[in-house]
Amino acid sequence: MSKVAIVFWSGTGNTEAMADAVESGAKDAGAEVVRFSPSDFSDAKVSGFDAIAFGCPAMGAEVLEESEFDPMFTGLEQASVLVGKKIGLFGSYGWGDGEWMRNWEERSRQAGAVLISEGVICNESPDNDAVAACKKLGAELAK
């Protein structure tokens, strides 16, 4: 059985709803899932998981949430613990065109992570298509 971490930050509940769908998909595919807030996840925990789903909405000028999520993710990059790690990215946005996700995907590739798919994004609350995409992301991470 694979172990999947879901690490996310949600201000309005939209990204949390996406995390719920990722968890559902991973569990349905047979994975053991552990959820974390950014403040509870560190480089020391990465090695305990086969795959990690990271969820964060777009904030401000299409950037990752700056007080908790981005510092945690930057710490993982600096510790070089994402090299070869299978990850998936997801998050909601209220404006813009998804630039924050494209930038985040590039950061992840530069950190040596193995992105299993394009990041899953949705405008505001996840609709049925976004929920299905999140479940698929979870299932892929469970493989």
Protein backbone atom coordinates (compact mmCIF):
# COMPACT_ATOMS: atom_id res chain seq x y z
CA MET A 1 0.00 0.00 0.00
CA SER A 2 1.36 3.39 -0.93
CA LYS A 3 1.41 6.30 1.51
CA VAL A 4 0.22 9.65 0.21
CA ALA A 5 0.53 12.98 2.02
CA ILE A 6 -1.90 15.77 1.22
CA VAL A 7 -0.47 19.14 2.28
CA PHE A 8 -2.75 22.09 1.67
CA TRP A 9 -3.75 25.60 2.72
CA SER A 10 -7.29 26.85 2.22
CA GLY A 11 -8.73 30.23 3.12
CA THR A 12 -12.28 29.92 1.78
CA GLY A 13 -12.72 26.14 1.76
CA ASN A 14 -12.40 25.75 -2.03
CA THR A 15 -8.92 24.23 -1.92
CA GLU A 16 -9.98 22.11 1.07
CA ALA A 17 -12.86 20.71 -1.02
CA MET A 18 -10.29 19.85 -3.70
CA ALA A 19 -8.11 18.16 -1.04
CA ASP A 20 -11.13 16.08 0.02
CA ALA A 21 -11.52 14.86 -3.57
CA VAL A 22 -7.78 14.09 -3.89
CA GLU A 23 -8.01 12.09 -0.66
CA SER A 24 -11.06 10.22 -1.89
CA GLY A 25 -9.33 9.28 -5.15
CA ALA A 26 -6.18 8.11 -3.37
CA LYS A 27 -8.09 6.04 -0.80
CA ASP A 28 -10.30 4.50 -3.50
CA ALA A 29 -7.07 3.44 -5.25
CA GLY A 30 -5.88 1.76 -2.05
CA ALA A 31 -3.51 4.34 -0.60
CA GLU A 32 -3.03 5.27 3.02
CA VAL A 33 -3.57 9.04 3.22
CA VAL A 34 -2.35 11.55 5.82
CA ARG A 35 -3.41 15.20 5.66
CA PHE A 36 -1.23 18.09 6.82
CA SER A 37 -1.46 21.84 7.13
CA PRO A 38 1.68 23.62 5.85
CA SER A 39 2.76 24.40 9.42
CA ASP A 40 2.66 20.66 10.28
CA PHE A 41 4.71 19.49 7.28
CA SER A 42 8.49 19.74 6.95
CA ASP A 43 11.38 18.28 4.99
CA ALA A 44 11.79 15.61 7.68
CA LYS A 45 8.37 14.15 6.81
CA VAL A 46 8.85 13.87 3.03
CA SER A 47 10.70 10.54 3.09
CA GLY A 48 7.81 8.87 4.91
CA PHE A 49 5.56 9.13 1.85
CA ASP A 50 5.55 7.57 -1.62
CA ALA A 51 3.81 10.61 -3.09
CA ILE A 52 2.64 14.05 -2.03
CA ALA A 53 -0.28 16.20 -3.17
CA PHE A 54 0.26 19.91 -2.55
CA GLY A 55 -2.74 22.24 -2.59
CA CYS A 56 -2.68 26.01 -2.45
CA PRO A 57 -4.92 28.71 -3.93
CA ALA A 58 -3.71 31.67 -5.93
CA MET A 59 -3.22 34.70 -3.72
CA GLY A 60 -2.51 38.37 -4.44
CA ALA A 61 -0.85 38.76 -7.82
CA GLU A 62 -1.14 35.03 -8.57
CA VAL A 63 1.31 33.72 -5.98
CA LEU A 64 1.23 30.93 -3.40
CA GLU A 65 -0.14 31.81 0.04
CA GLU A 66 2.74 33.78 1.58
CA SER A 67 2.59 33.34 5.36
CA GLU A 68 2.40 29.54 5.72
CA PHE A 69 2.39 27.67 2.41
CA ASP A 70 5.16 29.35 0.43
CA PRO A 71 7.66 29.31 3.32
CA MET A 72 7.00 25.57 3.82
CA PHE A 73 7.39 24.81 0.10
CA THR A 74 10.53 26.97 -0.13
CA GLY A 75 11.97 25.01 2.81
CA LEU A 76 11.37 21.75 0.94
CA GLU A 77 13.10 23.17 -2.14
CA GLN A 78 16.09 24.37 -0.11
CA ALA A 79 16.42 20.99 1.64
CA SER A 80 16.42 19.23 -1.77
CA VAL A 81 13.94 16.64 -0.47
CA LEU A 82 11.66 16.76 -3.52
CA VAL A 83 14.29 15.28 -5.86
CA GLY A 84 12.71 12.21 -7.47
CA LYS A 85 9.55 12.54 -5.32
CA LYS A 86 6.22 11.91 -7.07
CA ILE A 87 3.97 14.93 -6.51
CA GLY A 88 0.74 16.47 -7.71
CA LEU A 89 -0.41 20.09 -7.42
CA PHE A 90 -3.90 21.54 -7.04
CA GLY A 91 -5.60 24.78 -6.08
CA SER A 92 -8.39 27.25 -6.73
CA TYR A 93 -8.25 30.82 -7.94
CA GLY A 94 -10.60 33.76 -8.16
CA TRP A 95 -8.89 35.83 -10.87
CA GLY A 96 -6.12 35.60 -13.41
CA ASP A 97 -5.36 32.76 -15.79
CA GLY A 98 -3.52 30.16 -13.70
CA GLU A 99 -0.08 31.78 -13.88
CA TRP A 100 0.56 30.82 -10.23
CA MET A 101 0.13 27.14 -11.10
CA ARG A 102 2.45 27.33 -14.13
CA ASN A 103 5.10 29.04 -11.97
CA TRP A 104 4.60 26.44 -9.20
CA GLU A 105 4.94 23.57 -11.67
CA GLU A 106 8.22 25.06 -12.92
CA ARG A 107 9.50 25.50 -9.36
CA SER A 108 8.63 21.86 -8.66
CA ARG A 109 10.47 20.63 -11.76
CA GLN A 110 13.50 22.75 -10.84
CA ALA A 111 13.39 21.18 -7.35
CA GLY A 112 13.68 17.76 -9.00
CA ALA A 113 10.14 16.61 -8.24
CA VAL A 114 8.32 14.24 -10.58
CA LEU A 115 5.01 15.88 -11.51
CA ILE A 116 2.49 13.15 -12.27
CA SER A 117 0.24 15.51 -14.27
CA GLU A 118 -0.48 19.15 -14.89
CA GLY A 119 -1.71 20.96 -11.82
CA VAL A 120 -5.46 20.80 -11.24
CA ILE A 121 -6.99 24.27 -10.99
CA CYS A 122 -10.54 25.54 -10.71
CA ASN A 123 -12.14 28.95 -10.56
CA GLU A 124 -13.66 29.49 -7.10
CA SER A 125 -15.54 26.42 -5.79
CA PRO A 126 -14.69 23.11 -7.51
CA ASP A 127 -17.34 21.97 -9.98
CA ASN A 128 -17.94 18.34 -10.96
CA ASP A 129 -15.10 18.41 -13.51
CA ALA A 130 -12.63 19.77 -10.94
CA VAL A 131 -13.72 17.19 -8.34
CA ALA A 132 -13.26 14.41 -10.92
CA ALA A 133 -9.81 15.78 -11.86
CA CYS A 134 -8.81 15.89 -8.17
CA LYS A 135 -9.99 12.29 -7.63
CA LYS A 136 -7.95 11.25 -10.67
CA LEU A 137 -4.91 13.09 -9.25
CA GLY A 138 -5.31 11.20 -5.98
CA ALA A 139 -5.62 7.87 -7.80
CA GLU A 140 -2.47 8.60 -9.85
CA LEU A 141 -0.52 9.47 -6.70
CA ALA A 142 -1.63 6.16 -5.15
CA LYS A 143 -0.05 4.09 -7.95
